[in-house]
Amino acid sequence: PKSTSFSANFSANMASLPSKVVEHVVFFKVKDGTPPEKANAMISALQGLKSLDQVLDLTAGPALRFNSGTYKYTHALHSRYKDRQSLADYSAHPRHVNVVKEFVLPLTDDLLALDWEADLGEPMLPSYGAIRIAFLKPKEGLADPQRFELAE
């Protein structure tokens, strides 16, 4: 009986999870010489935004590796939203604005944000962080058909 109840609740909860989401990734370049405890406080403040109603999932932490000869980002945030409006509401939320003003901007030299809509194909399961994520930058001068072929 308990497993049936759990199974029914799990199935009902799965049906309410979205299969399309808006992904939001931000890379941070923390200023050289920033004390580790301040960088950790920034990450803790960012992680605290996970409790906002608009957020489906959020994780943040130091970058283990960032493969780019040009960019040297030190930290990253990845979050998910049910739609574009939820991301816009999150961005304008007073707690988010405060974290950016109090923790992020004073400690960073550079930020790079990237948003996209993703069709997951099935309901989103709770996440425990990204396993691996790769962003590709096509060579300059590629024709549009070559860029689209690369994306497929």
N, C-alpha and C. Protein backbone atom coordinates (compact mmCIF):
# COMPACT_ATOMS: atom_id res chain seq x y z
N PRO A 1 0.81 -1.20 0.00
CA PRO A 1 0.00 0.00 0.00
C PRO A 1 0.85 1.26 0.00
N LYS A 2 1.91 1.31 0.80
CA LYS A 2 2.73 2.52 0.83
C LYS A 2 3.41 2.75 -0.51
N SER A 3 3.91 1.69 -1.13
CA SER A 3 4.59 1.87 -2.41
C SER A 3 3.61 2.31 -3.49
N THR A 4 2.35 1.83 -3.43
CA THR A 4 1.34 2.27 -4.39
C THR A 4 1.07 3.76 -4.22
N SER A 5 0.94 4.20 -2.96
CA SER A 5 0.71 5.61 -2.68
C SER A 5 1.89 6.45 -3.17
N PHE A 6 3.11 6.00 -2.89
CA PHE A 6 4.29 6.71 -3.36
C PHE A 6 4.30 6.78 -4.87
N SER A 7 4.00 5.64 -5.51
CA SER A 7 4.00 5.59 -6.97
C SER A 7 2.97 6.54 -7.56
N ALA A 8 1.78 6.58 -6.98
CA ALA A 8 0.73 7.48 -7.47
C ALA A 8 1.15 8.94 -7.28
N ASN A 9 1.71 9.26 -6.11
CA ASN A 9 2.17 10.63 -5.86
C ASN A 9 3.31 11.00 -6.80
N PHE A 10 4.24 10.09 -7.01
CA PHE A 10 5.37 10.35 -7.90
C PHE A 10 4.87 10.61 -9.32
N SER A 11 3.93 9.78 -9.79
CA SER A 11 3.38 9.96 -11.14
C SER A 11 2.65 11.29 -11.26
N ALA A 12 1.89 11.66 -10.25
CA ALA A 12 1.17 12.94 -10.28
C ALA A 12 2.15 14.11 -10.29
N ASN A 13 3.21 14.01 -9.49
CA ASN A 13 4.22 15.07 -9.46
C ASN A 13 4.96 15.15 -10.78
N MET A 14 5.26 14.01 -11.40
CA MET A 14 5.95 14.00 -12.69
C MET A 14 5.13 14.70 -13.75
N ALA A 15 3.81 14.51 -13.72
CA ALA A 15 2.94 15.12 -14.73
C ALA A 15 2.96 16.64 -14.64
N SER A 16 3.26 17.19 -13.46
CA SER A 16 3.27 18.65 -13.31
C SER A 16 4.62 19.27 -13.65
N LEU A 17 5.63 18.45 -13.90
CA LEU A 17 6.96 18.98 -14.22
C LEU A 17 7.03 19.35 -15.70
N PRO A 18 7.71 20.45 -16.03
CA PRO A 18 7.75 20.89 -17.43
C PRO A 18 8.67 20.03 -18.29
N SER A 19 8.35 19.96 -19.59
CA SER A 19 9.23 19.29 -20.54
C SER A 19 9.99 20.31 -21.37
N LYS A 20 9.59 21.58 -21.28
CA LYS A 20 10.32 22.68 -21.91
C LYS A 20 10.71 23.66 -20.82
N VAL A 21 11.93 24.14 -20.86
CA VAL A 21 12.41 25.06 -19.84
C VAL A 21 13.27 26.14 -20.49
N VAL A 22 13.53 27.19 -19.72
CA VAL A 22 14.50 28.20 -20.11
C VAL A 22 15.73 27.97 -19.25
N GLU A 23 16.86 27.74 -19.91
CA GLU A 23 18.14 27.54 -19.23
C GLU A 23 18.82 28.90 -19.10
N HIS A 24 19.47 29.13 -17.97
CA HIS A 24 20.16 30.40 -17.71
C HIS A 24 21.53 30.06 -17.13
N VAL A 25 22.59 30.48 -17.81
CA VAL A 25 23.95 30.23 -17.34
C VAL A 25 24.67 31.57 -17.25
N VAL A 26 25.37 31.78 -16.14
CA VAL A 26 26.17 32.99 -15.96
C VAL A 26 27.57 32.55 -15.56
N PHE A 27 28.57 33.10 -16.24
CA PHE A 27 29.97 32.90 -15.88
C PHE A 27 30.47 34.17 -15.21
N PHE A 28 31.24 34.03 -14.14
CA PHE A 28 31.75 35.15 -13.37
C PHE A 28 33.27 35.11 -13.38
N LYS A 29 33.91 36.26 -13.53
CA LYS A 29 35.36 36.39 -13.36
C LYS A 29 35.56 37.17 -12.08
N VAL A 30 35.88 36.46 -10.99
CA VAL A 30 36.12 37.11 -9.70
C VAL A 30 37.47 37.83 -9.77
N LYS A 31 37.50 39.04 -9.22
CA LYS A 31 38.71 39.87 -9.26
C LYS A 31 39.87 39.15 -8.57
N ASP A 32 41.07 39.30 -9.16
CA ASP A 32 42.28 38.76 -8.55
C ASP A 32 42.43 39.36 -7.15
N GLY A 33 42.85 38.55 -6.21
CA GLY A 33 43.07 39.02 -4.85
C GLY A 33 41.83 39.02 -3.97
N THR A 34 40.71 38.59 -4.52
CA THR A 34 39.49 38.50 -3.71
C THR A 34 39.67 37.41 -2.66
N PRO A 35 39.45 37.72 -1.39
CA PRO A 35 39.58 36.69 -0.36
C PRO A 35 38.59 35.54 -0.61
N PRO A 36 39.03 34.31 -0.42
CA PRO A 36 38.16 33.15 -0.66
C PRO A 36 36.83 33.23 0.09
N GLU A 37 36.85 33.77 1.31
CA GLU A 37 35.60 33.84 2.07
C GLU A 37 34.57 34.77 1.41
N LYS A 38 35.04 35.80 0.70
CA LYS A 38 34.11 36.69 -0.01
C LYS A 38 33.54 35.99 -1.24
N ALA A 39 34.39 35.26 -1.96
CA ALA A 39 33.90 34.49 -3.11
C ALA A 39 32.91 33.42 -2.65
N ASN A 40 33.19 32.77 -1.52
CA ASN A 40 32.28 31.77 -0.98
C ASN A 40 30.95 32.40 -0.55
N ALA A 41 31.01 33.61 0.01
CA ALA A 41 29.78 34.32 0.40
C ALA A 41 28.95 34.65 -0.83
N MET A 42 29.61 35.00 -1.94
CA MET A 42 28.89 35.27 -3.18
C MET A 42 28.16 34.01 -3.64
N ILE A 43 28.85 32.88 -3.63
CA ILE A 43 28.24 31.62 -4.06
C ILE A 43 27.08 31.26 -3.14
N SER A 44 27.24 31.43 -1.83
CA SER A 44 26.15 31.14 -0.89
C SER A 44 24.94 32.02 -1.15
N ALA A 45 25.19 33.31 -1.43
CA ALA A 45 24.08 34.23 -1.72
C ALA A 45 23.37 33.82 -3.01
N LEU A 46 24.15 33.43 -4.02
CA LEU A 46 23.54 32.97 -5.27
C LEU A 46 22.73 31.70 -5.03
N GLN A 47 23.28 30.76 -4.27
CA GLN A 47 22.57 29.51 -3.97
C GLN A 47 21.26 29.79 -3.22
N GLY A 48 21.25 30.85 -2.41
CA GLY A 48 20.05 31.22 -1.68
C GLY A 48 18.89 31.61 -2.57
N LEU A 49 19.18 31.99 -3.82
CA LEU A 49 18.13 32.37 -4.76
C LEU A 49 17.32 31.16 -5.23
N LYS A 50 17.81 29.98 -4.92
CA LYS A 50 17.12 28.73 -5.28
C LYS A 50 15.71 28.69 -4.69
N SER A 51 15.50 29.39 -3.59
CA SER A 51 14.20 29.34 -2.91
C SER A 51 13.15 30.25 -3.54
N LEU A 52 13.52 31.08 -4.51
CA LEU A 52 12.54 31.94 -5.17
C LEU A 52 11.55 31.09 -5.97
N ASP A 53 10.30 31.51 -5.97
CA ASP A 53 9.24 30.74 -6.64
C ASP A 53 9.50 30.53 -8.12
N GLN A 54 10.15 31.46 -8.78
CA GLN A 54 10.35 31.37 -10.23
C GLN A 54 11.37 30.30 -10.60
N VAL A 55 12.22 29.89 -9.68
CA VAL A 55 13.35 29.01 -9.96
C VAL A 55 12.93 27.54 -9.87
N LEU A 56 13.14 26.80 -10.96
CA LEU A 56 12.92 25.35 -10.94
C LEU A 56 14.13 24.64 -10.36
N ASP A 57 15.32 25.14 -10.69
CA ASP A 57 16.56 24.52 -10.25
C ASP A 57 17.67 25.56 -10.34
N LEU A 58 18.61 25.53 -9.43
CA LEU A 58 19.72 26.48 -9.46
C LEU A 58 20.91 25.86 -8.75
N THR A 59 22.07 26.00 -9.35
CA THR A 59 23.31 25.58 -8.73
C THR A 59 24.39 26.58 -9.12
N ALA A 60 25.33 26.81 -8.21
CA ALA A 60 26.43 27.75 -8.47
C ALA A 60 27.67 27.25 -7.74
N GLY A 61 28.83 27.60 -8.29
CA GLY A 61 30.07 27.19 -7.64
C GLY A 61 31.28 27.62 -8.43
N PRO A 62 32.46 27.33 -7.88
CA PRO A 62 33.70 27.65 -8.60
C PRO A 62 33.84 26.77 -9.84
N ALA A 63 34.40 27.34 -10.89
CA ALA A 63 34.66 26.58 -12.11
C ALA A 63 35.89 25.71 -11.88
N LEU A 64 35.78 24.45 -12.21
CA LEU A 64 36.94 23.57 -12.10
C LEU A 64 37.89 23.80 -13.26
N ARG A 65 37.31 24.10 -14.43
CA ARG A 65 38.11 24.33 -15.63
C ARG A 65 37.27 25.15 -16.58
N PHE A 66 37.90 26.09 -17.26
CA PHE A 66 37.21 26.89 -18.28
C PHE A 66 38.13 26.92 -19.48
N ASN A 67 37.79 26.15 -20.51
CA ASN A 67 38.64 26.02 -21.69
C ASN A 67 38.44 27.17 -22.65
N SER A 68 39.21 28.21 -22.48
CA SER A 68 39.18 29.34 -23.39
C SER A 68 40.50 30.08 -23.25
N GLY A 69 41.11 30.35 -24.38
CA GLY A 69 42.35 31.11 -24.34
C GLY A 69 42.13 32.57 -24.02
N THR A 70 40.93 33.06 -24.30
CA THR A 70 40.63 34.47 -24.14
C THR A 70 39.98 34.79 -22.80
N TYR A 71 39.07 33.94 -22.37
CA TYR A 71 38.27 34.23 -21.18
C TYR A 71 38.73 33.39 -20.00
N LYS A 72 38.75 33.99 -18.84
CA LYS A 72 39.22 33.32 -17.62
C LYS A 72 38.16 33.42 -16.53
N TYR A 73 37.01 32.81 -16.76
CA TYR A 73 35.94 32.86 -15.77
C TYR A 73 36.26 31.89 -14.64
N THR A 74 35.92 32.30 -13.42
CA THR A 74 36.30 31.54 -12.23
C THR A 74 35.13 30.82 -11.55
N HIS A 75 33.90 31.29 -11.81
CA HIS A 75 32.72 30.74 -11.16
C HIS A 75 31.57 30.67 -12.18
N ALA A 76 30.57 29.84 -11.87
CA ALA A 76 29.43 29.70 -12.78
C ALA A 76 28.15 29.49 -11.99
N LEU A 77 27.05 29.87 -12.63
CA LEU A 77 25.70 29.62 -12.12
C LEU A 77 24.89 29.02 -13.25
N HIS A 78 24.12 27.99 -12.95
CA HIS A 78 23.20 27.40 -13.92
C HIS A 78 21.84 27.29 -13.24
N SER A 79 20.80 27.81 -13.91
CA SER A 79 19.46 27.72 -13.35
C SER A 79 18.45 27.46 -14.46
N ARG A 80 17.26 27.01 -14.03
CA ARG A 80 16.19 26.68 -14.98
C ARG A 80 14.89 27.34 -14.54
N TYR A 81 14.09 27.72 -15.56
CA TYR A 81 12.82 28.40 -15.35
C TYR A 81 11.79 27.80 -16.29
N LYS A 82 10.50 27.86 -15.89
CA LYS A 82 9.48 27.23 -16.72
C LYS A 82 9.24 27.97 -18.02
N ASP A 83 9.55 29.28 -18.06
CA ASP A 83 9.35 30.06 -19.28
C ASP A 83 10.12 31.37 -19.19
N ARG A 84 10.09 32.14 -20.28
CA ARG A 84 10.83 33.40 -20.34
C ARG A 84 10.35 34.39 -19.28
N GLN A 85 9.04 34.42 -19.05
CA GLN A 85 8.51 35.35 -18.05
C GLN A 85 9.03 35.03 -16.66
N SER A 86 9.15 33.75 -16.34
CA SER A 86 9.69 33.36 -15.03
C SER A 86 11.13 33.83 -14.87
N LEU A 87 11.93 33.73 -15.95
CA LEU A 87 13.30 34.24 -15.90
C LEU A 87 13.30 35.75 -15.73
N ALA A 88 12.43 36.46 -16.44
CA ALA A 88 12.35 37.92 -16.31
C ALA A 88 11.92 38.31 -14.89
N ASP A 89 10.97 37.58 -14.33
CA ASP A 89 10.52 37.86 -12.96
C ASP A 89 11.64 37.60 -11.95
N TYR A 90 12.40 36.54 -12.15
CA TYR A 90 13.56 36.23 -11.30
C TYR A 90 14.58 37.36 -11.38
N SER A 91 14.88 37.80 -12.60
CA SER A 91 15.89 38.84 -12.79
C SER A 91 15.50 40.14 -12.10
N ALA A 92 14.21 40.44 -12.07
CA ALA A 92 13.73 41.68 -11.46
C ALA A 92 13.40 41.54 -9.97
N HIS A 93 13.44 40.33 -9.46
CA HIS A 93 13.07 40.10 -8.06
C HIS A 93 14.03 40.86 -7.13
N PRO A 94 13.51 41.52 -6.10
CA PRO A 94 14.37 42.30 -5.19
C PRO A 94 15.50 41.50 -4.56
N ARG A 95 15.27 40.23 -4.23
CA ARG A 95 16.36 39.43 -3.65
C ARG A 95 17.47 39.20 -4.67
N HIS A 96 17.11 38.93 -5.93
CA HIS A 96 18.11 38.74 -6.98
C HIS A 96 18.88 40.04 -7.19
N VAL A 97 18.16 41.15 -7.31
CA VAL A 97 18.80 42.45 -7.52
C VAL A 97 19.77 42.75 -6.38
N ASN A 98 19.37 42.46 -5.15
CA ASN A 98 20.23 42.70 -3.99
C ASN A 98 21.49 41.84 -4.03
N VAL A 99 21.35 40.56 -4.37
CA VAL A 99 22.53 39.68 -4.44
C VAL A 99 23.50 40.19 -5.50
N VAL A 100 22.98 40.61 -6.64
CA VAL A 100 23.85 41.14 -7.70
C VAL A 100 24.58 42.39 -7.21
N LYS A 101 23.86 43.32 -6.59
CA LYS A 101 24.46 44.58 -6.13
C LYS A 101 25.44 44.38 -4.98
N GLU A 102 25.07 43.53 -4.02
CA GLU A 102 25.86 43.39 -2.80
C GLU A 102 27.00 42.38 -2.90
N PHE A 103 26.82 41.33 -3.68
CA PHE A 103 27.80 40.25 -3.71
C PHE A 103 28.51 40.08 -5.04
N VAL A 104 27.79 40.21 -6.15
CA VAL A 104 28.36 39.89 -7.45
C VAL A 104 29.17 41.06 -8.03
N LEU A 105 28.54 42.19 -8.22
CA LEU A 105 29.22 43.31 -8.89
C LEU A 105 30.48 43.79 -8.17
N PRO A 106 30.48 43.87 -6.83
CA PRO A 106 31.71 44.33 -6.16
C PRO A 106 32.90 43.36 -6.31
N LEU A 107 32.61 42.08 -6.59
CA LEU A 107 33.69 41.08 -6.62
C LEU A 107 34.13 40.66 -8.01
N THR A 108 33.42 41.09 -9.05
CA THR A 108 33.70 40.56 -10.38
C THR A 108 34.25 41.60 -11.34
N ASP A 109 35.14 41.13 -12.21
CA ASP A 109 35.67 41.94 -13.31
C ASP A 109 34.85 41.78 -14.57
N ASP A 110 34.20 40.62 -14.72
CA ASP A 110 33.49 40.32 -15.96
C ASP A 110 32.40 39.30 -15.70
N LEU A 111 31.33 39.40 -16.48
CA LEU A 111 30.21 38.46 -16.44
C LEU A 111 29.85 38.09 -17.86
N LEU A 112 29.41 36.87 -18.05
CA LEU A 112 28.88 36.42 -19.34
C LEU A 112 27.62 35.62 -19.04
N ALA A 113 26.48 36.08 -19.57
CA ALA A 113 25.21 35.39 -19.35
C ALA A 113 24.70 34.83 -20.66
N LEU A 114 24.10 33.65 -20.59
CA LEU A 114 23.57 32.97 -21.76
C LEU A 114 22.24 32.32 -21.38
N ASP A 115 21.19 32.60 -22.16
CA ASP A 115 19.87 32.02 -21.93
C ASP A 115 19.41 31.32 -23.20
N TRP A 116 18.70 30.21 -23.06
CA TRP A 116 18.12 29.54 -24.21
C TRP A 116 16.93 28.71 -23.77
N GLU A 117 16.04 28.43 -24.73
CA GLU A 117 14.91 27.55 -24.47
C GLU A 117 15.31 26.13 -24.84
N ALA A 118 15.01 25.20 -23.96
CA ALA A 118 15.37 23.80 -24.20
C ALA A 118 14.11 22.94 -24.15
N ASP A 119 13.97 22.08 -25.14
CA ASP A 119 12.90 21.10 -25.15
C ASP A 119 13.50 19.80 -24.62
N LEU A 120 13.14 19.45 -23.40
CA LEU A 120 13.74 18.28 -22.76
C LEU A 120 13.18 16.98 -23.30
N GLY A 121 12.02 17.04 -23.97
CA GLY A 121 11.43 15.83 -24.53
C GLY A 121 10.62 15.01 -23.54
N GLU A 122 10.86 15.21 -22.27
CA GLU A 122 10.12 14.52 -21.22
C GLU A 122 10.15 15.41 -19.99
N PRO A 123 9.30 15.16 -19.01
CA PRO A 123 9.29 16.03 -17.83
C PRO A 123 10.66 16.11 -17.17
N MET A 124 10.99 17.31 -16.73
CA MET A 124 12.28 17.56 -16.08
C MET A 124 12.31 16.88 -14.71
N LEU A 125 13.36 16.14 -14.47
CA LEU A 125 13.57 15.55 -13.15
C LEU A 125 14.38 16.52 -12.31
N PRO A 126 14.24 16.45 -10.98
CA PRO A 126 15.08 17.30 -10.13
C PRO A 126 16.55 17.07 -10.45
N SER A 127 17.32 18.13 -10.40
CA SER A 127 18.74 18.07 -10.77
C SER A 127 19.61 18.23 -9.54
N TYR A 128 20.78 17.67 -9.63
CA TYR A 128 21.77 17.84 -8.57
C TYR A 128 23.01 18.52 -9.11
N GLY A 129 22.84 19.31 -10.16
CA GLY A 129 23.94 20.04 -10.77
C GLY A 129 24.28 19.49 -12.14
N ALA A 130 25.01 20.28 -12.88
CA ALA A 130 25.39 19.87 -14.23
C ALA A 130 26.50 18.83 -14.15
N ILE A 131 26.39 17.81 -14.97
CA ILE A 131 27.46 16.82 -15.05
C ILE A 131 28.55 17.36 -15.95
N ARG A 132 28.15 17.85 -17.11
CA ARG A 132 29.11 18.45 -18.03
C ARG A 132 28.33 19.34 -18.99
N ILE A 133 28.88 20.48 -19.27
CA ILE A 133 28.24 21.40 -20.20
C ILE A 133 29.32 21.95 -21.11
N ALA A 134 29.03 22.03 -22.39
CA ALA A 134 30.01 22.55 -23.35
C ALA A 134 29.35 23.61 -24.21
N PHE A 135 30.04 24.71 -24.43
CA PHE A 135 29.58 25.76 -25.33
C PHE A 135 30.59 25.86 -26.45
N LEU A 136 30.09 25.90 -27.66
CA LEU A 136 30.96 25.97 -28.84
C LEU A 136 30.83 27.33 -29.49
N LYS A 137 31.94 27.87 -29.91
CA LYS A 137 31.94 29.12 -30.66
C LYS A 137 32.44 28.80 -32.06
N PRO A 138 31.54 28.90 -33.07
CA PRO A 138 31.97 28.60 -34.44
C PRO A 138 33.03 29.59 -34.92
N LYS A 139 33.86 29.13 -35.85
CA LYS A 139 34.87 30.00 -36.45
C LYS A 139 34.21 31.19 -37.10
N GLU A 140 34.90 32.31 -37.06
CA GLU A 140 34.43 33.48 -37.79
C GLU A 140 34.43 33.15 -39.28
N GLY A 141 33.45 33.66 -39.99
CA GLY A 141 33.41 33.48 -41.43
C GLY A 141 32.64 32.26 -41.91
N LEU A 142 32.16 31.41 -40.99
CA LEU A 142 31.36 30.27 -41.43
C LEU A 142 30.03 30.77 -41.97
N ALA A 143 29.60 30.19 -43.07
CA ALA A 143 28.30 30.55 -43.64
C ALA A 143 27.19 29.98 -42.75
N ASP A 144 26.01 30.58 -42.80
CA ASP A 144 24.90 30.12 -41.96
C ASP A 144 24.61 28.64 -42.11
N PRO A 145 24.59 28.07 -43.33
CA PRO A 145 24.32 26.62 -43.41
C PRO A 145 25.34 25.79 -42.62
N GLN A 146 26.60 26.22 -42.62
CA GLN A 146 27.62 25.49 -41.86
C GLN A 146 27.38 25.64 -40.36
N ARG A 147 26.96 26.81 -39.91
CA ARG A 147 26.67 27.03 -38.49
C ARG A 147 25.51 26.15 -38.04
N PHE A 148 24.43 26.08 -38.86
CA PHE A 148 23.28 25.27 -38.49
C PHE A 148 23.63 23.79 -38.50
N GLU A 149 24.48 23.36 -39.43
CA GLU A 149 24.92 21.96 -39.49
C GLU A 149 25.68 21.61 -38.22
N LEU A 150 26.52 22.52 -37.74
CA LEU A 150 27.27 22.30 -36.52
C LEU A 150 26.33 22.15 -35.33
N ALA A 151 25.27 22.95 -35.30
CA ALA A 151 24.33 22.92 -34.18
C ALA A 151 23.52 21.63 -34.14
N GLU A 152 23.28 21.02 -35.29
CA GLU A 152 22.51 19.79 -35.31
C GLU A 152 23.38 18.65 -34.85
